[in-house]
Amino acid sequence: MATGKQETGQMDYVAPGSPEHAALLGLVKAPTGETLGIDGWTLSDPLAFGPAATETYLLRLLRGKVNELNGKMPKVQSEDRNKEGYAPPMWRPSDTPVRGIV
């Protein structure tokens, strides 16, 4: 899988689903027979979540991280208001003139 650094020209770019992305999420490849593993991944440090973290909590946390790792790359927002993915500019309070008592 290409890292994408060449395509984007950004040295800090991390391609979705890459090994660097997995490391940022705190995931490592699960060894065979790992009880705390989903889709071949496990948490790099399950003890980082404290001694009271239950196995259920860790599995749900792991499921969320694996889903993020395997997710699709988000669509780039369109600048054309007639195309899919267009979002109007955000309203900022400073854009409106001040009225009333100041």
N, C-alpha and C. Protein backbone atom coordinates (compact mmCIF):
# COMPACT_ATOMS: atom_id res chain seq x y z
N MET A 1 0.85 -1.17 0.00
CA MET A 1 0.00 0.00 0.00
C MET A 1 0.89 1.24 0.00
N ALA A 2 0.58 2.17 -0.85
CA ALA A 2 1.34 3.41 -0.92
C ALA A 2 1.03 4.27 0.30
N THR A 3 2.05 4.93 0.80
CA THR A 3 1.84 5.76 1.99
C THR A 3 1.16 7.05 1.65
N GLY A 4 1.25 7.49 0.39
CA GLY A 4 0.58 8.70 0.00
C GLY A 4 1.43 9.95 0.13
N LYS A 5 2.60 9.84 0.76
CA LYS A 5 3.46 11.00 0.93
C LYS A 5 3.90 11.55 -0.43
N GLN A 6 4.13 10.65 -1.40
CA GLN A 6 4.54 11.10 -2.72
C GLN A 6 3.39 11.80 -3.44
N GLU A 7 2.17 11.28 -3.29
CA GLU A 7 1.04 11.86 -4.00
C GLU A 7 0.66 13.23 -3.44
N THR A 8 0.73 13.40 -2.14
CA THR A 8 0.28 14.65 -1.54
C THR A 8 1.39 15.67 -1.39
N GLY A 9 2.64 15.23 -1.33
CA GLY A 9 3.74 16.14 -1.10
C GLY A 9 3.83 16.59 0.36
N GLN A 10 3.05 16.00 1.24
CA GLN A 10 3.07 16.36 2.66
C GLN A 10 3.81 15.27 3.42
N MET A 11 4.86 15.64 4.10
CA MET A 11 5.64 14.65 4.83
C MET A 11 4.92 14.14 6.08
N ASP A 12 3.93 14.88 6.58
CA ASP A 12 3.21 14.44 7.76
C ASP A 12 1.92 13.70 7.41
N TYR A 13 1.72 13.38 6.14
CA TYR A 13 0.50 12.68 5.70
C TYR A 13 0.57 11.21 6.12
N VAL A 14 -0.51 10.71 6.69
CA VAL A 14 -0.62 9.30 7.05
C VAL A 14 -1.80 8.73 6.29
N ALA A 15 -1.52 7.78 5.41
CA ALA A 15 -2.58 7.19 4.59
C ALA A 15 -3.50 6.32 5.44
N PRO A 16 -4.82 6.43 5.21
CA PRO A 16 -5.76 5.58 5.95
C PRO A 16 -5.48 4.10 5.69
N GLY A 17 -5.43 3.31 6.75
CA GLY A 17 -5.22 1.88 6.64
C GLY A 17 -3.76 1.47 6.59
N SER A 18 -2.84 2.41 6.62
CA SER A 18 -1.40 2.10 6.54
C SER A 18 -0.87 1.64 7.90
N PRO A 19 0.32 1.04 7.92
CA PRO A 19 0.92 0.65 9.21
C PRO A 19 1.14 1.86 10.13
N GLU A 20 1.44 3.01 9.55
CA GLU A 20 1.60 4.22 10.37
C GLU A 20 0.27 4.61 11.02
N HIS A 21 -0.82 4.45 10.29
CA HIS A 21 -2.15 4.74 10.83
C HIS A 21 -2.46 3.80 11.99
N ALA A 22 -2.13 2.52 11.82
CA ALA A 22 -2.36 1.55 12.89
C ALA A 22 -1.54 1.92 14.13
N ALA A 23 -0.31 2.35 13.93
CA ALA A 23 0.53 2.73 15.07
C ALA A 23 -0.03 3.95 15.79
N LEU A 24 -0.56 4.92 15.03
CA LEU A 24 -1.17 6.09 15.65
C LEU A 24 -2.40 5.73 16.47
N LEU A 25 -3.11 4.70 16.05
CA LEU A 25 -4.29 4.25 16.78
C LEU A 25 -3.94 3.35 17.97
N GLY A 26 -2.67 2.98 18.09
CA GLY A 26 -2.25 2.10 19.18
C GLY A 26 -2.56 0.65 18.91
N LEU A 27 -2.49 0.25 17.63
CA LEU A 27 -2.78 -1.14 17.25
C LEU A 27 -1.51 -1.83 16.77
N VAL A 28 -1.42 -3.12 17.05
CA VAL A 28 -0.35 -3.97 16.54
C VAL A 28 -1.00 -5.26 16.02
N LYS A 29 -0.29 -5.96 15.15
CA LYS A 29 -0.78 -7.24 14.65
C LYS A 29 -0.90 -8.22 15.82
N ALA A 30 -2.03 -8.89 15.91
CA ALA A 30 -2.27 -9.83 17.02
C ALA A 30 -1.58 -11.15 16.75
N PRO A 31 -0.88 -11.69 17.75
CA PRO A 31 -0.30 -13.03 17.58
C PRO A 31 -1.42 -14.08 17.52
N THR A 32 -1.10 -15.22 16.98
CA THR A 32 -2.08 -16.30 16.86
C THR A 32 -2.56 -16.72 18.24
N GLY A 33 -3.85 -16.85 18.40
CA GLY A 33 -4.43 -17.28 19.66
C GLY A 33 -4.66 -16.15 20.66
N GLU A 34 -4.49 -14.91 20.25
CA GLU A 34 -4.71 -13.76 21.13
C GLU A 34 -6.19 -13.66 21.49
N THR A 35 -6.49 -13.59 22.78
CA THR A 35 -7.89 -13.51 23.20
C THR A 35 -8.45 -12.11 22.99
N LEU A 36 -7.60 -11.09 23.10
CA LEU A 36 -8.04 -9.72 22.92
C LEU A 36 -7.60 -9.26 21.53
N GLY A 37 -8.27 -9.79 20.50
CA GLY A 37 -7.92 -9.45 19.13
C GLY A 37 -9.14 -9.45 18.23
N ILE A 38 -9.14 -8.51 17.29
CA ILE A 38 -10.24 -8.41 16.32
C ILE A 38 -9.62 -8.20 14.95
N ASP A 39 -10.02 -9.03 13.98
CA ASP A 39 -9.56 -8.93 12.60
C ASP A 39 -8.04 -8.89 12.48
N GLY A 40 -7.37 -9.62 13.37
CA GLY A 40 -5.91 -9.69 13.30
C GLY A 40 -5.19 -8.55 13.99
N TRP A 41 -5.89 -7.70 14.72
CA TRP A 41 -5.30 -6.57 15.42
C TRP A 41 -5.56 -6.68 16.91
N THR A 42 -4.66 -6.11 17.70
CA THR A 42 -4.85 -6.02 19.14
C THR A 42 -4.29 -4.69 19.62
N LEU A 43 -4.59 -4.32 20.84
CA LEU A 43 -4.08 -3.07 21.40
C LEU A 43 -2.60 -3.23 21.73
N SER A 44 -1.83 -2.19 21.44
CA SER A 44 -0.39 -2.27 21.71
C SER A 44 -0.12 -2.29 23.21
N ASP A 45 -0.93 -1.59 23.99
CA ASP A 45 -0.74 -1.56 25.44
C ASP A 45 -2.09 -1.53 26.14
N PRO A 46 -2.70 -2.69 26.39
CA PRO A 46 -4.01 -2.71 27.03
C PRO A 46 -3.98 -2.20 28.47
N LEU A 47 -2.81 -2.22 29.11
CA LEU A 47 -2.72 -1.75 30.49
C LEU A 47 -2.74 -0.22 30.59
N ALA A 48 -2.62 0.46 29.46
CA ALA A 48 -2.65 1.92 29.45
C ALA A 48 -4.02 2.45 29.86
N PHE A 49 -5.04 1.63 29.83
CA PHE A 49 -6.39 2.06 30.16
C PHE A 49 -6.74 1.81 31.62
N GLY A 50 -5.77 1.43 32.40
CA GLY A 50 -5.94 1.29 33.84
C GLY A 50 -6.30 -0.12 34.26
N PRO A 51 -6.11 -0.40 35.55
CA PRO A 51 -6.38 -1.76 36.05
C PRO A 51 -7.85 -2.10 36.12
N ALA A 52 -8.71 -1.10 36.10
CA ALA A 52 -10.15 -1.37 36.20
C ALA A 52 -10.80 -1.58 34.83
N ALA A 53 -10.04 -1.48 33.74
CA ALA A 53 -10.61 -1.68 32.40
C ALA A 53 -11.00 -3.14 32.21
N THR A 54 -12.26 -3.36 31.91
CA THR A 54 -12.74 -4.73 31.74
C THR A 54 -12.44 -5.21 30.32
N GLU A 55 -12.54 -6.51 30.13
CA GLU A 55 -12.30 -7.08 28.81
C GLU A 55 -13.35 -6.58 27.82
N THR A 56 -14.58 -6.41 28.27
CA THR A 56 -15.65 -5.90 27.41
C THR A 56 -15.33 -4.49 26.94
N TYR A 57 -14.87 -3.65 27.86
CA TYR A 57 -14.49 -2.27 27.51
C TYR A 57 -13.35 -2.28 26.49
N LEU A 58 -12.34 -3.08 26.73
CA LEU A 58 -11.19 -3.13 25.83
C LEU A 58 -11.58 -3.65 24.45
N LEU A 59 -12.48 -4.64 24.40
CA LEU A 59 -12.93 -5.17 23.11
C LEU A 59 -13.72 -4.11 22.33
N ARG A 60 -14.56 -3.35 23.02
CA ARG A 60 -15.32 -2.29 22.33
C ARG A 60 -14.39 -1.19 21.85
N LEU A 61 -13.42 -0.84 22.65
CA LEU A 61 -12.42 0.15 22.26
C LEU A 61 -11.63 -0.34 21.05
N LEU A 62 -11.23 -1.59 21.10
CA LEU A 62 -10.49 -2.20 20.00
C LEU A 62 -11.34 -2.24 18.73
N ARG A 63 -12.62 -2.59 18.85
CA ARG A 63 -13.52 -2.64 17.68
C ARG A 63 -13.60 -1.26 17.04
N GLY A 64 -13.71 -0.20 17.82
CA GLY A 64 -13.77 1.15 17.27
C GLY A 64 -12.49 1.53 16.54
N LYS A 65 -11.36 1.18 17.10
CA LYS A 65 -10.07 1.49 16.47
C LYS A 65 -9.88 0.71 15.17
N VAL A 66 -10.27 -0.56 15.17
CA VAL A 66 -10.15 -1.39 13.96
C VAL A 66 -11.10 -0.88 12.88
N ASN A 67 -12.31 -0.48 13.27
CA ASN A 67 -13.24 0.09 12.29
C ASN A 67 -12.67 1.37 11.68
N GLU A 68 -12.04 2.20 12.50
CA GLU A 68 -11.43 3.42 11.97
C GLU A 68 -10.28 3.09 11.02
N LEU A 69 -9.50 2.08 11.37
CA LEU A 69 -8.37 1.69 10.52
C LEU A 69 -8.85 1.15 9.18
N ASN A 70 -9.93 0.38 9.18
CA ASN A 70 -10.42 -0.25 7.96
C ASN A 70 -11.43 0.61 7.21
N GLY A 71 -11.76 1.76 7.75
CA GLY A 71 -12.76 2.62 7.12
C GLY A 71 -12.30 3.22 5.81
N LYS A 72 -13.27 3.71 5.05
CA LYS A 72 -12.96 4.34 3.77
C LYS A 72 -12.38 5.74 3.99
N MET A 73 -11.63 6.18 3.03
CA MET A 73 -11.09 7.53 3.09
C MET A 73 -12.24 8.52 2.91
N PRO A 74 -12.31 9.56 3.74
CA PRO A 74 -13.42 10.51 3.63
C PRO A 74 -13.38 11.27 2.31
N LYS A 75 -14.57 11.63 1.83
CA LYS A 75 -14.65 12.40 0.59
C LYS A 75 -14.21 13.84 0.85
N VAL A 76 -13.58 14.42 -0.15
CA VAL A 76 -13.18 15.82 -0.06
C VAL A 76 -14.41 16.67 -0.31
N GLN A 77 -14.58 17.69 0.50
CA GLN A 77 -15.74 18.56 0.36
C GLN A 77 -15.66 19.32 -0.96
N SER A 78 -16.77 19.39 -1.66
CA SER A 78 -16.84 20.07 -2.95
C SER A 78 -17.00 21.57 -2.75
N GLU A 79 -16.37 22.34 -3.62
CA GLU A 79 -16.52 23.79 -3.60
C GLU A 79 -17.71 24.23 -4.47
N ASP A 80 -18.18 23.33 -5.35
CA ASP A 80 -19.28 23.64 -6.26
C ASP A 80 -20.61 23.32 -5.57
N ARG A 81 -21.47 24.31 -5.44
CA ARG A 81 -22.72 24.10 -4.72
C ARG A 81 -23.68 23.16 -5.43
N ASN A 82 -23.44 22.84 -6.71
CA ASN A 82 -24.32 21.93 -7.44
C ASN A 82 -23.84 20.48 -7.39
N LYS A 83 -22.70 20.22 -6.77
CA LYS A 83 -22.17 18.86 -6.70
C LYS A 83 -22.42 18.25 -5.32
N GLU A 84 -22.38 16.90 -5.30
CA GLU A 84 -22.55 16.18 -4.05
C GLU A 84 -21.37 16.48 -3.11
N GLY A 85 -21.64 16.59 -1.84
CA GLY A 85 -20.58 16.85 -0.88
C GLY A 85 -20.35 18.32 -0.61
N TYR A 86 -21.20 19.18 -1.15
CA TYR A 86 -21.05 20.61 -0.90
C TYR A 86 -21.63 20.95 0.47
N ALA A 87 -20.93 21.78 1.18
CA ALA A 87 -21.44 22.28 2.45
C ALA A 87 -21.26 23.80 2.45
N PRO A 88 -22.29 24.53 2.82
CA PRO A 88 -22.16 25.99 2.83
C PRO A 88 -21.13 26.42 3.87
N PRO A 89 -20.55 27.59 3.69
CA PRO A 89 -19.58 28.07 4.66
C PRO A 89 -20.20 28.22 6.05
N MET A 90 -19.39 28.01 7.06
CA MET A 90 -19.88 28.13 8.43
C MET A 90 -20.19 29.59 8.77
N TRP A 91 -21.22 29.78 9.57
CA TRP A 91 -21.54 31.11 10.05
C TRP A 91 -20.60 31.45 11.21
N ARG A 92 -20.05 32.62 11.17
CA ARG A 92 -19.18 33.08 12.25
C ARG A 92 -19.81 34.32 12.87
N PRO A 93 -19.85 34.42 14.18
CA PRO A 93 -20.49 35.58 14.81
C PRO A 93 -19.88 36.90 14.35
N SER A 94 -18.61 36.92 14.01
CA SER A 94 -17.98 38.18 13.61
C SER A 94 -18.42 38.62 12.22
N ASP A 95 -19.10 37.75 11.47
CA ASP A 95 -19.56 38.11 10.12
C ASP A 95 -20.76 39.05 10.15
N THR A 96 -21.49 39.07 11.27
CA THR A 96 -22.70 39.88 11.34
C THR A 96 -22.38 41.21 12.03
N PRO A 97 -22.94 42.27 11.52
CA PRO A 97 -22.70 43.56 12.20
C PRO A 97 -23.34 43.57 13.59
N VAL A 98 -22.71 44.28 14.49
CA VAL A 98 -23.20 44.37 15.85
C VAL A 98 -24.39 45.34 15.90
N ARG A 99 -25.48 44.90 16.56
CA ARG A 99 -26.65 45.75 16.71
C ARG A 99 -26.97 45.90 18.19
N GLY A 100 -27.73 46.92 18.48
CA GLY A 100 -28.17 47.10 19.84
C GLY A 100 -27.15 47.83 20.69
N ILE A 101 -27.23 47.62 21.99
CA ILE A 101 -26.34 48.30 22.94
C ILE A 101 -24.98 47.60 22.93
N VAL A 102 -23.96 48.39 22.76
CA VAL A 102 -22.59 47.85 22.74
C VAL A 102 -21.85 48.33 23.94
